[in-house]
Structures are given as structure tokens and as C-alpha cells.
PDB file of N, CA and C in Angstrom:
ATOM      1  N   MET A   1       0.861  -1.162   0.080  1.00  0.00           N
ATOM      2  CA  MET A   1       0.004  -0.021  -0.048  1.00  0.00           C
ATOM      3  C   MET A   1       0.826   1.305  -0.005  1.00  0.00           C
ATOM      4  N   LEU A   2       1.889   1.251   0.759  1.00  0.00           N
ATOM      5  CA  LEU A   2       2.832   2.386   0.824  1.00  0.00           C
ATOM      6  C   LEU A   2       3.454   2.627  -0.576  1.00  0.00           C
ATOM      7  N   GLY A   3       3.814   1.518  -1.226  1.00  0.00           N
ATOM      8  CA  GLY A   3       4.222   1.738  -2.648  1.00  0.00           C
ATOM      9  C   GLY A   3       3.402   2.371  -3.628  1.00  0.00           C
ATOM     10  N   LEU A   4       2.124   2.042  -3.472  1.00  0.00           N
ATOM     11  CA  LEU A   4       1.180   2.646  -4.339  1.00  0.00           C
ATOM     12  C   LEU A   4       1.010   4.159  -4.009  1.00  0.00           C
ATOM     13  N   LEU A   5       0.964   4.436  -2.832  1.00  0.00           N
ATOM     14  CA  LEU A   5       1.048   5.878  -2.328  1.00  0.00           C
ATOM     15  C   LEU A   5       2.122   6.719  -2.774  1.00  0.00           C
ATOM     16  N   ILE A   6       3.406   6.091  -2.799  1.00  0.00           N
ATOM     17  CA  ILE A   6       4.529   6.742  -3.147  1.00  0.00           C
ATOM     18  C   ILE A   6       4.592   6.897  -4.737  1.00  0.00           C
ATOM     19  N   LEU A   7       4.155   5.889  -5.491  1.00  0.00           N
ATOM     20  CA  LEU A   7       3.938   5.937  -6.911  1.00  0.00           C
ATOM     21  C   LEU A   7       2.972   6.919  -7.317  1.00  0.00           C
ATOM     22  N   ALA A   8       1.724   7.128  -6.649  1.00  0.00           N
ATOM     23  CA  ALA A   8       0.931   8.277  -6.998  1.00  0.00           C
ATOM     24  C   ALA A   8       1.562   9.484  -6.673  1.00  0.00           C
ATOM     25  N   LEU A   9       2.320   9.612  -5.566  1.00  0.00           N
ATOM     26  CA  LEU A   9       2.916  10.890  -5.177  1.00  0.00           C
ATOM     27  C   LEU A   9       3.817  11.341  -6.230  1.00  0.00           C
ATOM     28  N   LEU A  10       4.617  10.369  -6.898  1.00  0.00           N
ATOM     29  CA  LEU A  10       5.608  10.791  -7.805  1.00  0.00           C
ATOM     30  C   LEU A  10       4.993  10.774  -9.238  1.00  0.00           C
ATOM     31  N   THR A  11       3.808  10.367  -9.471  1.00  0.00           N
ATOM     32  CA  THR A  11       3.351  10.485 -10.908  1.00  0.00           C
ATOM     33  C   THR A  11       2.113  11.396 -10.953  1.00  0.00           C
ATOM     34  N   VAL A  12       1.073  10.860 -10.310  1.00  0.00           N
ATOM     35  CA  VAL A  12      -0.250  11.610 -10.507  1.00  0.00           C
ATOM     36  C   VAL A  12      -0.246  13.107  -9.839  1.00  0.00           C
ATOM     37  N   VAL A  13       0.294  13.181  -8.722  1.00  0.00           N
ATOM     38  CA  VAL A  13       0.380  14.611  -7.989  1.00  0.00           C
ATOM     39  C   VAL A  13       1.225  15.635  -8.804  1.00  0.00           C
ATOM     40  N   PRO A  14       2.375  15.341  -9.314  1.00  0.00           N
ATOM     41  CA  PRO A  14       2.976  16.341 -10.032  1.00  0.00           C
ATOM     42  C   PRO A  14       2.363  16.738 -11.302  1.00  0.00           C
ATOM     43  N   VAL A  15       1.420  15.835 -11.900  1.00  0.00           N
ATOM     44  CA  VAL A  15       0.831  16.173 -13.155  1.00  0.00           C
ATOM     45  C   VAL A  15      -0.403  17.010 -12.597  1.00  0.00           C
ATOM     46  N   ARG A  16      -1.076  16.798 -11.510  1.00  0.00           N
ATOM     47  CA  ARG A  16      -2.161  17.588 -10.933  1.00  0.00           C
ATOM     48  C   ARG A  16      -1.609  19.125 -10.544  1.00  0.00           C
ATOM     49  N   ILE A  17      -0.414  19.042 -10.008  1.00  0.00           N
ATOM     50  CA  ILE A  17       0.160  20.387  -9.648  1.00  0.00           C
ATOM     51  C   ILE A  17       0.464  21.204 -10.970  1.00  0.00           C
ATOM     52  N   GLY A  18       1.083  20.490 -11.885  1.00  0.00           N
ATOM     53  CA  GLY A  18       1.233  21.134 -13.164  1.00  0.00           C
ATOM     54  C   GLY A  18      -0.045  21.565 -13.785  1.00  0.00           C
ATOM     55  N   ALA A  19      -0.996  20.891 -13.817  1.00  0.00           N
ATOM     56  CA  ALA A  19      -2.330  21.272 -14.411  1.00  0.00           C
ATOM     57  C   ALA A  19      -2.892  22.537 -13.662  1.00  0.00           C
ATOM     58  N   GLN A  20      -2.796  22.637 -12.333  1.00  0.00           N
ATOM     59  CA  GLN A  20      -3.164  23.755 -11.687  1.00  0.00           C
ATOM     60  C   GLN A  20      -2.259  24.978 -12.005  1.00  0.00           C
ATOM     61  N   LEU A  21      -0.926  24.781 -12.175  1.00  0.00           N
ATOM     62  CA  LEU A  21      -0.006  25.871 -12.419  1.00  0.00           C
ATOM     63  C   LEU A  21      -0.332  26.439 -13.802  1.00  0.00           C
ATOM     64  N   PHE A  22      -0.489  25.524 -14.750  1.00  0.00           N
ATOM     65  CA  PHE A  22      -0.763  25.904 -16.160  1.00  0.00           C
ATOM     66  C   PHE A  22      -2.300  26.284 -16.476  1.00  0.00           C
ATOM     67  N   ASP A  23      -3.075  26.280 -15.465  1.00  0.00           N
ATOM     68  CA  ASP A  23      -4.511  26.561 -15.530  1.00  0.00           C
ATOM     69  C   ASP A  23      -5.088  25.703 -16.638  1.00  0.00           C
ATOM     70  N   ALA A  24      -4.925  24.452 -16.717  1.00  0.00           N
ATOM     71  CA  ALA A  24      -5.385  23.564 -17.846  1.00  0.00           C
ATOM     72  C   ALA A  24      -6.963  23.614 -17.701  1.00  0.00           C
ATOM     73  N   ASP A  25      -7.646  23.281 -18.875  1.00  0.00           N
ATOM     74  CA  ASP A  25      -8.977  23.180 -18.794  1.00  0.00           C
ATOM     75  C   ASP A  25      -9.461  21.877 -18.064  1.00  0.00           C
ATOM     76  N   ASN A  26      -8.763  20.937 -18.093  1.00  0.00           N
ATOM     77  CA  ASN A  26      -9.202  19.594 -17.571  1.00  0.00           C
ATOM     78  C   ASN A  26      -8.136  19.316 -16.453  1.00  0.00           C
ATOM     79  N   LYS A  27      -8.484  19.624 -15.282  1.00  0.00           N
ATOM     80  CA  LYS A  27      -7.463  19.506 -14.181  1.00  0.00           C
ATOM     81  C   LYS A  27      -7.892  18.410 -13.073  1.00  0.00           C
ATOM     82  N   GLY A  28      -8.952  17.786 -13.358  1.00  0.00           N
ATOM     83  CA  GLY A  28      -9.422  16.916 -12.426  1.00  0.00           C
ATOM     84  C   GLY A  28      -8.429  15.674 -12.177  1.00  0.00           C
ATOM     85  N   LEU A  29      -8.475  15.018 -11.193  1.00  0.00           N
ATOM     86  CA  LEU A  29      -7.636  13.847 -10.817  1.00  0.00           C
ATOM     87  C   LEU A  29      -7.740  12.696 -11.786  1.00  0.00           C
ATOM     88  N   GLY A  30      -9.013  12.544 -12.214  1.00  0.00           N
ATOM     89  CA  GLY A  30      -9.187  11.469 -13.289  1.00  0.00           C
ATOM     90  C   GLY A  30      -8.510  11.702 -14.635  1.00  0.00           C
ATOM     91  N   TYR A  31      -8.444  12.957 -15.041  1.00  0.00           N
ATOM     92  CA  TYR A  31      -7.674  13.466 -16.200  1.00  0.00           C
ATOM     93  C   TYR A  31      -6.203  13.251 -15.983  1.00  0.00           C
ATOM     94  N   CYS A  32      -5.812  13.549 -14.800  1.00  0.00           N
ATOM     95  CA  CYS A  32      -4.381  13.430 -14.420  1.00  0.00           C
ATOM     96  C   CYS A  32      -3.973  11.972 -14.498  1.00  0.00           C
ATOM     97  N   LEU A  33      -4.703  11.147 -13.881  1.00  0.00           N
ATOM     98  CA  LEU A  33      -4.530   9.676 -13.945  1.00  0.00           C
ATOM     99  C   LEU A  33      -4.458   9.107 -15.349  1.00  0.00           C
ATOM    100  N   LEU A  34      -5.384   9.561 -16.200  1.00  0.00           N
ATOM    101  CA  LEU A  34      -5.325   9.091 -17.488  1.00  0.00           C
ATOM    102  C   LEU A  34      -4.159   9.530 -18.308  1.00  0.00           C
ATOM    103  N   ALA A  35      -3.846  10.867 -18.103  1.00  0.00           N
ATOM    104  CA  ALA A  35      -2.589  11.313 -18.770  1.00  0.00           C
ATOM    105  C   ALA A  35      -1.342  10.503 -18.427  1.00  0.00           C
ATOM    106  N   VAL A  36      -1.183  10.212 -17.052  1.00  0.00           N
ATOM    107  CA  VAL A  36      -0.063   9.453 -16.570  1.00  0.00           C
ATOM    108  C   VAL A  36      -0.082   8.021 -17.170  1.00  0.00           C
ATOM    109  N   VAL A  37      -1.204   7.339 -17.235  1.00  0.00           N
ATOM    110  CA  VAL A  37      -1.182   6.048 -17.768  1.00  0.00           C
ATOM    111  C   VAL A  37      -0.845   6.011 -19.187  1.00  0.00           C
ATOM    112  N   ILE A  38      -1.523   6.925 -20.049  1.00  0.00           N
ATOM    113  CA  ILE A  38      -1.334   6.865 -21.459  1.00  0.00           C
ATOM    114  C   ILE A  38       0.128   7.370 -21.759  1.00  0.00           C
ATOM    115  N   GLY A  39       0.556   8.378 -21.122  1.00  0.00           N
ATOM    116  CA  GLY A  39       1.896   9.021 -21.343  1.00  0.00           C
ATOM    117  C   GLY A  39       2.998   7.913 -20.941  1.00  0.00           C
ATOM    118  N   THR A  40       2.767   7.266 -19.761  1.00  0.00           N
ATOM    119  CA  THR A  40       3.815   6.215 -19.455  1.00  0.00           C
ATOM    120  C   THR A  40       3.929   5.110 -20.424  1.00  0.00           C
ATOM    121  N   THR A  41       2.682   4.718 -20.820  1.00  0.00           N
ATOM    122  CA  THR A  41       2.732   3.624 -21.787  1.00  0.00           C
ATOM    123  C   THR A  41       3.273   3.914 -23.125  1.00  0.00           C
ATOM    124  N   LEU A  42       3.022   5.063 -23.627  1.00  0.00           N
ATOM    125  CA  LEU A  42       3.663   5.447 -24.933  1.00  0.00           C
ATOM    126  C   LEU A  42       5.214   5.786 -24.753  1.00  0.00           C
ATOM    127  N   ALA A  43       5.612   6.378 -23.610  1.00  0.00           N
ATOM    128  CA  ALA A  43       6.988   6.609 -23.453  1.00  0.00           C
ATOM    129  C   ALA A  43       7.737   5.410 -23.238  1.00  0.00           C
ATOM    130  N   THR A  44       7.223   4.525 -22.585  1.00  0.00           N
ATOM    131  CA  THR A  44       7.800   3.068 -22.276  1.00  0.00           C
ATOM    132  C   THR A  44       7.993   2.189 -23.674  1.00  0.00           C
ATOM    133  N   ALA A  45       7.001   2.267 -24.402  1.00  0.00           N
ATOM    134  CA  ALA A  45       7.003   1.653 -25.704  1.00  0.00           C
ATOM    135  C   ALA A  45       8.031   2.298 -26.621  1.00  0.00           C
ATOM    136  N   CYS A  46       8.006   3.630 -26.705  1.00  0.00           N
ATOM    137  CA  CYS A  46       8.946   4.463 -27.546  1.00  0.00           C
ATOM    138  C   CYS A  46      10.380   4.065 -27.098  1.00  0.00           C
ATOM    139  N   THR A  47      10.717   4.205 -25.817  1.00  0.00           N
ATOM    140  CA  THR A  47      12.025   3.940 -25.507  1.00  0.00           C
ATOM    141  C   THR A  47      12.581   2.532 -25.700  1.00  0.00           C
ATOM    142  N   ALA A  48      11.619   1.681 -25.458  1.00  0.00           N
ATOM    143  CA  ALA A  48      11.814   0.183 -25.769  1.00  0.00           C
ATOM    144  C   ALA A  48      12.078  -0.075 -27.262  1.00  0.00           C
ATOM    145  N   LEU A  49      11.352   0.482 -28.111  1.00  0.00           N
ATOM    146  CA  LEU A  49      11.314   0.081 -29.524  1.00  0.00           C
ATOM    147  C   LEU A  49      12.508   0.925 -30.202  1.00  0.00           C
ATOM    148  N   ILE A  50      12.664   2.206 -29.787  1.00  0.00           N
ATOM    149  CA  ILE A  50      13.723   3.037 -30.632  1.00  0.00           C
ATOM    150  C   ILE A  50      15.039   2.980 -29.693  1.00  0.00           C
ATOM    151  N   GLY A  51      14.908   3.220 -28.540  1.00  0.00           N
ATOM    152  CA  GLY A  51      16.048   3.309 -27.652  1.00  0.00           C
ATOM    153  C   GLY A  51      16.938   4.533 -27.809  1.00  0.00           C
ATOM    154  N   GLY A  52      17.921   4.557 -26.865  1.00  0.00           N
ATOM    155  CA  GLY A  52      18.880   5.745 -27.127  1.00  0.00           C
ATOM    156  C   GLY A  52      18.273   7.109 -26.856  1.00  0.00           C
ATOM    157  N   LEU A  53      19.130   8.069 -27.247  1.00  0.00           N
ATOM    158  CA  LEU A  53      18.588   9.425 -26.969  1.00  0.00           C
ATOM    159  C   LEU A  53      17.439   9.786 -27.862  1.00  0.00           C
ATOM    160  N   THR A  54      17.477   9.209 -29.223  1.00  0.00           N
ATOM    161  CA  THR A  54      16.356   9.573 -30.018  1.00  0.00           C
ATOM    162  C   THR A  54      14.962   9.070 -29.413  1.00  0.00           C
ATOM    163  N   GLY A  55      14.987   7.846 -28.800  1.00  0.00           N
ATOM    164  CA  GLY A  55      13.798   7.427 -28.167  1.00  0.00           C
ATOM    165  C   GLY A  55      13.411   8.200 -27.043  1.00  0.00           C
ATOM    166  N   LEU A  56      14.378   8.796 -26.199  1.00  0.00           N
ATOM    167  CA  LEU A  56      13.976   9.565 -25.002  1.00  0.00           C
ATOM    168  C   LEU A  56      13.314  10.937 -25.636  1.00  0.00           C
ATOM    169  N   ILE A  57      13.960  11.449 -26.622  1.00  0.00           N
ATOM    170  CA  ILE A  57      13.454  12.748 -27.084  1.00  0.00           C
ATOM    171  C   ILE A  57      12.032  12.610 -27.670  1.00  0.00           C
ATOM    172  N   LEU A  58      11.850  11.484 -28.428  1.00  0.00           N
ATOM    173  CA  LEU A  58      10.540  11.145 -29.045  1.00  0.00           C
ATOM    174  C   LEU A  58       9.610  10.957 -27.956  1.00  0.00           C
ATOM    175  N   ALA A  59      10.023  10.174 -26.881  1.00  0.00           N
ATOM    176  CA  ALA A  59       9.018  10.008 -25.716  1.00  0.00           C
ATOM    177  C   ALA A  59       8.616  11.235 -25.125  1.00  0.00           C
ATOM    178  N   TYR A  60       9.476  12.175 -24.904  1.00  0.00           N
ATOM    179  CA  TYR A  60       9.187  13.552 -24.415  1.00  0.00           C
ATOM    180  C   TYR A  60       8.149  14.211 -25.292  1.00  0.00           C
ATOM    181  N   PHE A  61       8.273  14.156 -26.494  1.00  0.00           N
ATOM    182  CA  PHE A  61       7.423  14.728 -27.378  1.00  0.00           C
ATOM    183  C   PHE A  61       5.896  14.058 -27.448  1.00  0.00           C
ATOM    184  N   LEU A  62       6.033  12.717 -27.325  1.00  0.00           N
ATOM    185  CA  LEU A  62       4.762  12.139 -27.078  1.00  0.00           C
ATOM    186  C   LEU A  62       4.000  12.292 -25.882  1.00  0.00           C
ATOM    187  N   VAL A  63       4.791  12.294 -24.808  1.00  0.00           N
ATOM    188  CA  VAL A  63       4.106  12.719 -23.572  1.00  0.00           C
ATOM    189  C   VAL A  63       3.539  14.086 -23.618  1.00  0.00           C
ATOM    190  N   SER A  64       4.204  15.097 -24.281  1.00  0.00           N
ATOM    191  CA  SER A  64       3.792  16.421 -24.397  1.00  0.00           C
ATOM    192  C   SER A  64       2.471  16.432 -25.276  1.00  0.00           C
ATOM    193  N   ILE A  65       2.378  15.569 -26.307  1.00  0.00           N
ATOM    194  CA  ILE A  65       1.234  15.434 -27.193  1.00  0.00           C
ATOM    195  C   ILE A  65       0.072  14.994 -26.270  1.00  0.00           C
ATOM    196  N   VAL A  66       0.258  13.961 -25.443  1.00  0.00           N
ATOM    197  CA  VAL A  66      -0.723  13.437 -24.508  1.00  0.00           C
ATOM    198  C   VAL A  66      -1.254  14.538 -23.594  1.00  0.00           C
ATOM    199  N   TYR A  67      -0.216  15.257 -23.083  1.00  0.00           N
ATOM    200  CA  TYR A  67      -0.676  16.384 -22.116  1.00  0.00           C
ATOM    201  C   TYR A  67      -1.490  17.538 -22.935  1.00  0.00           C
ATOM    202  N   CYS A  68      -1.069  17.749 -24.046  1.00  0.00           N
ATOM    203  CA  CYS A  68      -1.763  18.712 -24.931  1.00  0.00           C
ATOM    204  C   CYS A  68      -3.233  18.393 -25.223  1.00  0.00           C
ATOM    205  N   LYS A  69      -3.349  17.107 -25.449  1.00  0.00           N
ATOM    206  CA  LYS A  69      -4.748  16.694 -25.997  1.00  0.00           C
ATOM    207  C   LYS A  69      -5.631  16.460 -24.634  1.00  0.00           C
ATOM    208  N   ILE A  70      -5.179  16.034 -23.719  1.00  0.00           N
ATOM    209  CA  ILE A  70      -5.878  15.750 -22.416  1.00  0.00           C
ATOM    210  C   ILE A  70      -6.288  16.896 -21.733  1.00  0.00           C
ATOM    211  N   PHE A  71      -5.174  17.789 -21.506  1.00  0.00           N
ATOM    212  CA  PHE A  71      -5.353  19.005 -20.620  1.00  0.00           C
ATOM    213  C   PHE A  71      -5.820  20.228 -21.558  1.00  0.00           C
ATOM    214  N   LEU A  72      -6.020  20.058 -22.873  1.00  0.00           N
ATOM    215  CA  LEU A  72      -6.426  21.159 -23.729  1.00  0.00           C
ATOM    216  C   LEU A  72      -5.457  22.286 -23.697  1.00  0.00           C
ATOM    217  N   LEU A  73      -4.206  22.033 -23.813  1.00  0.00           N
ATOM    218  CA  LEU A  73      -3.092  23.010 -23.759  1.00  0.00           C
ATOM    219  C   LEU A  73      -2.730  23.216 -25.203  1.00  0.00           C
ATOM    220  N   SER A  74      -1.980  24.309 -25.569  1.00  0.00           N
ATOM    221  CA  SER A  74      -1.295  24.542 -26.786  1.00  0.00           C
ATOM    222  C   SER A  74      -0.110  23.556 -26.866  1.00  0.00           C
ATOM    223  N   PHE A  75       0.467  23.192 -27.878  1.00  0.00           N
ATOM    224  CA  PHE A  75       1.532  22.277 -27.926  1.00  0.00           C
ATOM    225  C   PHE A  75       2.831  22.872 -27.353  1.00  0.00           C
ATOM    226  N   GLY A  76       3.019  24.114 -27.466  1.00  0.00           N
ATOM    227  CA  GLY A  76       4.234  24.900 -26.759  1.00  0.00           C
ATOM    228  C   GLY A  76       3.996  24.789 -25.403  1.00  0.00           C
ATOM    229  N   SER A  77       2.857  25.069 -24.845  1.00  0.00           N
ATOM    230  CA  SER A  77       2.581  25.050 -23.457  1.00  0.00           C
ATOM    231  C   SER A  77       2.763  23.740 -22.973  1.00  0.00           C
ATOM    232  N   ALA A  78       2.280  22.657 -23.630  1.00  0.00           N
ATOM    233  CA  ALA A  78       2.514  21.235 -23.238  1.00  0.00           C
ATOM    234  C   ALA A  78       4.030  20.886 -23.112  1.00  0.00           C
ATOM    235  N   LEU A  79       4.785  21.372 -23.936  1.00  0.00           N
ATOM    236  CA  LEU A  79       6.305  21.121 -23.820  1.00  0.00           C
ATOM    237  C   LEU A  79       6.826  21.626 -22.575  1.00  0.00           C
ATOM    238  N   PHE A  80       6.378  22.994 -22.211  1.00  0.00           N
ATOM    239  CA  PHE A  80       6.847  23.457 -20.958  1.00  0.00           C
ATOM    240  C   PHE A  80       6.127  22.735 -19.642  1.00  0.00           C
ATOM    241  N   PHE A  81       4.990  22.321 -19.840  1.00  0.00           N
ATOM    242  CA  PHE A  81       4.068  21.616 -18.898  1.00  0.00           C
ATOM    243  C   PHE A  81       4.892  20.289 -18.613  1.00  0.00           C
ATOM    244  N   THR A  82       5.203  19.673 -19.684  1.00  0.00           N
ATOM    245  CA  THR A  82       6.166  18.258 -19.434  1.00  0.00           C
ATOM    246  C   THR A  82       7.427  18.499 -18.667  1.00  0.00           C
ATOM    247  N   LEU A  83       8.067  19.586 -18.907  1.00  0.00           N
ATOM    248  CA  LEU A  83       9.333  19.990 -18.236  1.00  0.00           C
ATOM    249  C   LEU A  83       9.021  20.274 -16.808  1.00  0.00           C
ATOM    250  N   ALA A  84       7.814  21.156 -16.610  1.00  0.00           N
ATOM    251  CA  ALA A  84       7.526  21.454 -15.159  1.00  0.00           C
ATOM    252  C   ALA A  84       7.171  20.239 -14.308  1.00  0.00           C
ATOM    253  N   VAL A  85       6.388  19.320 -14.916  1.00  0.00           N
ATOM    254  CA  VAL A  85       5.990  18.039 -14.265  1.00  0.00           C
ATOM    255  C   VAL A  85       7.358  17.228 -13.852  1.00  0.00           C
ATOM    256  N   PHE A  86       8.131  17.196 -14.851  1.00  0.00           N
ATOM    257  CA  PHE A  86       9.506  16.469 -14.510  1.00  0.00           C
ATOM    258  C   PHE A  86      10.277  17.225 -13.437  1.00  0.00           C
ATOM    259  N   LEU A  87      10.291  18.436 -13.301  1.00  0.00           N
ATOM    260  CA  LEU A  87      10.994  19.101 -12.218  1.00  0.00           C
ATOM    261  C   LEU A  87      10.276  18.926 -10.988  1.00  0.00           C
ATOM    262  N   ILE A  88       8.886  18.912 -10.924  1.00  0.00           N
ATOM    263  CA  ILE A  88       8.280  18.618  -9.807  1.00  0.00           C
ATOM    264  C   ILE A  88       8.577  17.207  -9.357  1.00  0.00           C
ATOM    265  N   GLN A  89       8.555  16.261 -10.138  1.00  0.00           N
ATOM    266  CA  GLN A  89       8.923  14.945  -9.817  1.00  0.00           C
ATOM    267  C   GLN A  89      10.339  14.772  -9.185  1.00  0.00           C
ATOM    268  N   VAL A  90      11.260  15.421  -9.847  1.00  0.00           N
ATOM    269  CA  VAL A  90      12.605  15.453  -9.184  1.00  0.00           C
ATOM    270  C   VAL A  90      12.606  15.997  -7.725  1.00  0.00           C
ATOM    271  N   GLY A  91      11.924  17.112  -7.672  1.00  0.00           N
ATOM    272  CA  GLY A  91      11.834  17.788  -6.292  1.00  0.00           C
ATOM    273  C   GLY A  91      11.175  16.812  -5.297  1.00  0.00           C
ATOM    274  N   LEU A  92      10.199  16.150  -5.717  1.00  0.00           N
ATOM    275  CA  LEU A  92       9.353  15.336  -4.790  1.00  0.00           C
ATOM    276  C   LEU A  92      10.354  14.110  -4.331  1.00  0.00           C
ATOM    277  N   THR A  93      11.054  13.587  -5.323  1.00  0.00           N
ATOM    278  CA  THR A  93      11.826  12.428  -5.146  1.00  0.00           C
ATOM    279  C   THR A  93      13.028  12.860  -4.192  1.00  0.00           C
ATOM    280  N   GLN A  94      13.566  14.160  -4.339  1.00  0.00           N
ATOM    281  CA  GLN A  94      14.625  14.600  -3.524  1.00  0.00           C
ATOM    282  C   GLN A  94      14.036  14.886  -2.130  1.00  0.00           C
ATOM    283  N   ALA A  95      12.871  15.219  -1.996  1.00  0.00           N
ATOM    284  CA  ALA A  95      12.283  15.376  -0.631  1.00  0.00           C
ATOM    285  C   ALA A  95      12.045  14.184   0.138  1.00  0.00           C
ATOM    286  N   LEU A  96      11.709  13.241  -0.709  1.00  0.00           N
ATOM    287  CA  LEU A  96      11.329  11.821  -0.072  1.00  0.00           C
ATOM    288  C   LEU A  96      12.707  11.200   0.261  1.00  0.00           C
ATOM    289  N   THR A  97      13.741  11.390  -0.432  1.00  0.00           N
ATOM    290  CA  THR A  97      15.115  10.883  -0.116  1.00  0.00           C
ATOM    291  C   THR A  97      15.645  11.528   1.083  1.00  0.00           C
ATOM    292  N   ASP A  98      15.402  12.930   1.128  1.00  0.00           N
ATOM    293  CA  ASP A  98      15.847  13.665   2.379  1.00  0.00           C
ATOM    294  C   ASP A  98      15.058  13.151   3.646  1.00  0.00           C
ATOM    295  N   LEU A  99      13.846  12.735   3.586  1.00  0.00           N
ATOM    296  CA  LEU A  99      13.064  12.147   4.539  1.00  0.00           C
ATOM    297  C   LEU A  99      13.346  10.860   4.986  1.00  0.00           C
ATOM    298  N   GLY A 100      14.207  10.186   4.067  1.00  0.00           N
ATOM    299  CA  GLY A 100      14.629   8.899   4.350  1.00  0.00           C
ATOM    300  C   GLY A 100      13.762   7.702   3.725  1.00  0.00           C
ATOM    301  N   ILE A 101      12.846   8.158   2.844  1.00  0.00           N
ATOM    302  CA  ILE A 101      11.906   7.022   2.337  1.00  0.00           C
ATOM    303  C   ILE A 101      12.769   6.223   1.336  1.00  0.00           C
ATOM    304  N   PHE A 102      13.575   6.878   0.454  1.00  0.00           N
ATOM    305  CA  PHE A 102      14.388   6.191  -0.532  1.00  0.00           C
ATOM    306  C   PHE A 102      15.936   6.290  -0.020  1.00  0.00           C
ATOM    307  N   ILE A 103      16.395   5.124   0.137  1.00  0.00           N
ATOM    308  CA  ILE A 103      17.815   4.915   0.571  1.00  0.00           C
ATOM    309  C   ILE A 103      18.484   3.920  -0.375  1.00  0.00           C
ATOM    310  N   LEU A 104      19.613   4.324  -0.910  1.00  0.00           N
ATOM    311  CA  LEU A 104      20.133   3.552  -1.955  1.00  0.00           C
ATOM    312  C   LEU A 104      20.731   2.043  -1.428  1.00  0.00           C
ATOM    313  N   ASN A 105      21.211   2.089  -0.242  1.00  0.00           N
ATOM    314  CA  ASN A 105      21.620   0.810   0.289  1.00  0.00           C
ATOM    315  C   ASN A 105      20.451  -0.046   0.725  1.00  0.00           C
ATOM    316  N   SER A 106      20.437  -1.210   0.107  1.00  0.00           N
ATOM    317  CA  SER A 106      19.249  -2.080   0.479  1.00  0.00           C
ATOM    318  C   SER A 106      19.104  -2.462   1.881  1.00  0.00           C
ATOM    319  N   ARG A 107      20.344  -2.440   2.622  1.00  0.00           N
ATOM    320  CA  ARG A 107      20.235  -3.005   4.064  1.00  0.00           C
ATOM    321  C   ARG A 107      19.466  -2.018   4.905  1.00  0.00           C
ATOM    322  N   PHE A 108      19.417  -0.705   4.534  1.00  0.00           N
ATOM    323  CA  PHE A 108      18.723   0.189   5.296  1.00  0.00           C
ATOM    324  C   PHE A 108      17.423   0.772   4.784  1.00  0.00           C
ATOM    325  N   SER A 109      17.080   0.020   3.686  1.00  0.00           N
ATOM    326  CA  SER A 109      15.759   0.644   3.052  1.00  0.00           C
ATOM    327  C   SER A 109      14.462   0.219   3.870  1.00  0.00           C
ATOM    328  N   VAL A 110      13.502   1.109   3.731  1.00  0.00           N
ATOM    329  CA  VAL A 110      12.331   0.894   4.439  1.00  0.00           C
ATOM    330  C   VAL A 110      11.493  -0.105   3.813  1.00  0.00           C
TER     331      VAL A 110
END
């Protein structure tokens, strides 16, 4: 259960925060969850099929397109939205690490 809460905190919550910051038309939790599921599926498939830096760049654009369509943003705004969500995710991960939730050494992990 704790794992699901952490997963939601690192995926859906940053998208929800981004939707609020960018004043998206569809900012409900359901839309955020849908965007995370579709975006993650497309990004994973893209990086698995193409791989390398090209796959990562294409995955970024695909996730931006998903955000553009689901949150009814312009494509330019969706590109910045994707970057903002990524930075929020990095910040949350750092905060959880500082709190001791994520520890690299498996002997001391929770």
C-alpha cells in the first residue's frame, strides 16, 4: 500500500500540480491519472522500440502531445508543462530521499 501511495505521489500528484499551475481546462484527478497512464505507456513503448537518445526525445514529445490533448493546452505550453512536471517529480523524489523514504543501500531501506 505504501508503494502505491509513493507511486501516486511521484506520478499523478506532479501532473495535478502542473495542471493547476498551467491553468489547464481539464485539471481533475481522473484526467491526471489518464494522462499518466497513457503517457507512461507511450513513453515506455517508444524507448523500448527505438532506444537511445532519439527514443527519449521522441518519448518527451509523445508525452507532451498526450498532455496537450488531455489538458487542452497548446503544444508549446504542453512542452513546458512536461518539463515542469519532470522538475516537480525530481523535487518530490529529493524530498522523499531527504526524509529517508528512498535509501540507496538495500540494508537500510524501508
